C-alpha atoms as a PDB file:
ATOM      1  CA  MET A   1      -6.784 -18.925  14.653  1.00  0.00           C
ATOM      2  CA  ILE A   2      -5.290 -16.698  12.013  1.00  0.00           C
ATOM      3  CA  TRP A   3      -2.661 -15.141  14.058  1.00  0.00           C
ATOM      4  CA  PRO A   4       0.284 -17.158  12.802  1.00  0.00           C
ATOM      5  CA  ASN A   5      -0.440 -16.143   9.218  1.00  0.00           C
ATOM      6  CA  TRP A   6      -1.315 -12.568  10.177  1.00  0.00           C
ATOM      7  CA  ALA A   7       1.937 -12.197  12.060  1.00  0.00           C
ATOM      8  CA  ARG A   8       3.829 -13.632   9.176  1.00  0.00           C
ATOM      9  CA  SER A   9       2.281 -11.257   6.818  1.00  0.00           C
ATOM     10  CA  ILE A  10       3.205  -8.000   8.882  1.00  0.00           C
ATOM     11  CA  TYR A  11       6.258  -8.712  11.099  1.00  0.00           C
ATOM     12  CA  ARG A  12       8.631  -7.146   8.614  1.00  0.00           C
ATOM     13  CA  LYS A  13       6.797  -3.821   8.944  1.00  0.00           C
ATOM     14  CA  GLN A  14       6.969  -3.958  12.770  1.00  0.00           C
ATOM     15  CA  LEU A  15      10.185  -6.063  13.059  1.00  0.00           C
ATOM     16  CA  ASP A  16      11.290  -4.414  16.321  1.00  0.00           C
ATOM     17  CA  ARG A  17       8.047  -5.388  18.090  1.00  0.00           C
ATOM     18  CA  PHE A  18       8.193  -9.098  16.865  1.00  0.00           C
ATOM     19  CA  ILE A  19      11.810  -9.109  17.835  1.00  0.00           C
ATOM     20  CA  LEU A  20      10.912  -7.945  21.494  1.00  0.00           C
ATOM     21  CA  PHE A  21       7.991 -10.362  21.464  1.00  0.00           C
ATOM     22  CA  ALA A  22      10.214 -13.234  20.540  1.00  0.00           C
ATOM     23  CA  GLU A  23      13.034 -12.497  22.914  1.00  0.00           C
ATOM     24  CA  ASN A  24      10.980 -11.353  25.953  1.00  0.00           C
ATOM     25  CA  ILE A  25       7.695 -13.248  25.776  1.00  0.00           C
ATOM     26  CA  MET A  26       8.574 -16.382  23.783  1.00  0.00           C
ATOM     27  CA  ILE A  27      12.213 -16.525  25.070  1.00  0.00           C
ATOM     28  CA  VAL A  28      13.676 -17.597  21.831  1.00  0.00           C
ATOM     29  CA  ASP A  29      17.375 -17.882  21.359  1.00  0.00           C
ATOM     30  CA  SER A  30      19.174 -15.304  19.274  1.00  0.00           C
ATOM     31  CA  CYS A  31      19.840 -15.924  15.662  1.00  0.00           C
ATOM     32  CA  GLU A  32      22.185 -14.626  12.946  1.00  0.00           C
ATOM     33  CA  ASN A  33      19.727 -11.889  11.941  1.00  0.00           C
ATOM     34  CA  GLU A  34      16.671 -10.025  13.228  1.00  0.00           C
ATOM     35  CA  GLU A  35      14.112 -11.406  10.808  1.00  0.00           C
ATOM     36  CA  ALA A  36      14.936 -14.976  11.888  1.00  0.00           C
ATOM     37  CA  ILE A  37      14.434 -13.962  15.662  1.00  0.00           C
ATOM     38  CA  ALA A  38      11.040 -12.620  14.753  1.00  0.00           C
ATOM     39  CA  LEU A  39      10.127 -15.748  12.812  1.00  0.00           C
ATOM     40  CA  LYS A  40      11.283 -17.966  15.692  1.00  0.00           C
ATOM     41  CA  GLY A  41       8.943 -16.013  17.897  1.00  0.00           C
ATOM     42  CA  ILE A  42       6.114 -16.405  15.622  1.00  0.00           C
ATOM     43  CA  HIS A  43       6.636 -20.148  15.336  1.00  0.00           C
ATOM     44  CA  ALA A  44       7.061 -20.330  19.050  1.00  0.00           C
ATOM     45  CA  MET A  45       3.557 -18.857  19.547  1.00  0.00           C
ATOM     46  CA  GLU A  46       2.117 -21.141  17.083  1.00  0.00           C
ATOM     47  CA  ASN A  47       3.644 -24.157  18.950  1.00  0.00           C
ATOM     48  CA  PHE A  48       2.249 -22.870  22.238  1.00  0.00           C
ATOM     49  CA  PHE A  49      -1.211 -22.701  20.632  1.00  0.00           C
ATOM     50  CA  LYS A  50      -0.821 -26.194  19.669  1.00  0.00           C
ATOM     51  CA  ILE A  51       0.228 -27.327  23.096  1.00  0.00           C
ATOM     52  CA  LEU A  52      -3.059 -25.716  24.408  1.00  0.00           C
ATOM     53  CA  ARG A  53      -4.926 -27.623  21.494  1.00  0.00           C
ATOM     54  CA  LEU A  54      -6.123 -24.449  20.006  1.00  0.00           C
ATOM     55  CA  PRO A  55      -6.470 -24.496  16.353  1.00  0.00           C
ATOM     56  CA  THR A  56      -3.946 -22.454  14.213  1.00  0.00           C
ATOM     57  CA  ASN A  57      -5.906 -22.607  10.865  1.00  0.00           C
ATOM     58  CA  PHE A  58      -9.397 -23.122   9.703  1.00  0.00           C
ATOM     59  CA  GLU A  59      -9.100 -26.817   8.757  1.00  0.00           C
ATOM     60  CA  GLU A  60      -7.996 -27.610  12.432  1.00  0.00           C
ATOM     61  CA  SER A  61     -11.240 -25.950  13.398  1.00  0.00           C
ATOM     62  CA  GLY A  62     -13.219 -28.007  11.140  1.00  0.00           C
ATOM     63  CA  ILE A  63     -14.140 -24.960   8.988  1.00  0.00           C
ATOM     64  CA  PHE A  64     -13.585 -25.194   5.251  1.00  0.00           C
ATOM     65  CA  PRO A  65     -14.505 -21.792   3.894  1.00  0.00           C
ATOM     66  CA  THR A  66     -14.871 -21.296   0.147  1.00  0.00           C
ATOM     67  CA  ASP A  67     -12.977 -18.544  -1.765  1.00  0.00           C
ATOM     68  CA  ASP A  68     -16.320 -16.501  -1.915  1.00  0.00           C
ATOM     69  CA  GLU A  69     -16.863 -16.920   1.823  1.00  0.00           C
ATOM     70  CA  LEU A  70     -13.320 -15.629   2.525  1.00  0.00           C
ATOM     71  CA  GLU A  71     -13.849 -12.650   0.242  1.00  0.00           C
ATOM     72  CA  GLN A  72     -17.094 -11.835   2.021  1.00  0.00           C
ATOM     73  CA  LEU A  73     -15.303 -11.974   5.368  1.00  0.00           C
ATOM     74  CA  SER A  74     -12.350  -9.775   4.287  1.00  0.00           C
ATOM     75  CA  GLU A  75     -14.750  -7.224   2.821  1.00  0.00           C
ATOM     76  CA  ARG A  76     -16.462  -6.863   6.304  1.00  0.00           C
ATOM     77  CA  THR A  77     -13.072  -6.212   8.085  1.00  0.00           C
ATOM     78  CA  GLU A  78     -12.079  -3.596   5.626  1.00  0.00           C
ATOM     79  CA  VAL A  79      -8.245  -4.395   6.535  1.00  0.00           C
ATOM     80  CA  PRO A  80      -5.810  -4.475   3.784  1.00  0.00           C
ATOM     81  CA  GLY A  81      -4.325  -7.808   2.888  1.00  0.00           C
ATOM     82  CA  CYS A  82      -6.975  -9.572   5.051  1.00  0.00           C
ATOM     83  CA  LEU A  83      -8.072 -11.787   2.196  1.00  0.00           C
ATOM     84  CA  LEU A  84      -4.459 -13.145   1.710  1.00  0.00           C
ATOM     85  CA  VAL A  85      -4.152 -13.801   5.386  1.00  0.00           C
ATOM     86  CA  LEU A  86      -7.330 -15.665   5.510  1.00  0.00           C
ATOM     87  CA  LYS A  87      -6.509 -17.695   2.408  1.00  0.00           C
ATOM     88  CA  CYS A  88      -3.303 -18.757   4.007  1.00  0.00           C
ATOM     89  CA  SER A  89      -5.113 -19.758   7.160  1.00  0.00           C
ATOM     90  CA  ARG A  90      -6.972 -22.630   5.574  1.00  0.00           C
END
């Protein structure tokens, strides 16, 4: 459910991998630049989740976490930047 926001938060650091994902898995068309290809792949995956009626954020799951709950969850993961990804996934 947080994959789209996680992917958007890290794709620049692993641009080559996201381009391969976009072109080989999501079969997106080429764009004017590599970043656009990566973003199209992320967007295509998000649309695929929606076709399967899978939630792509907390709200679609009926979950409405408070800021405190998101902070507690991010502290448990010990992943840098996790809180921002969680907040963007509302």
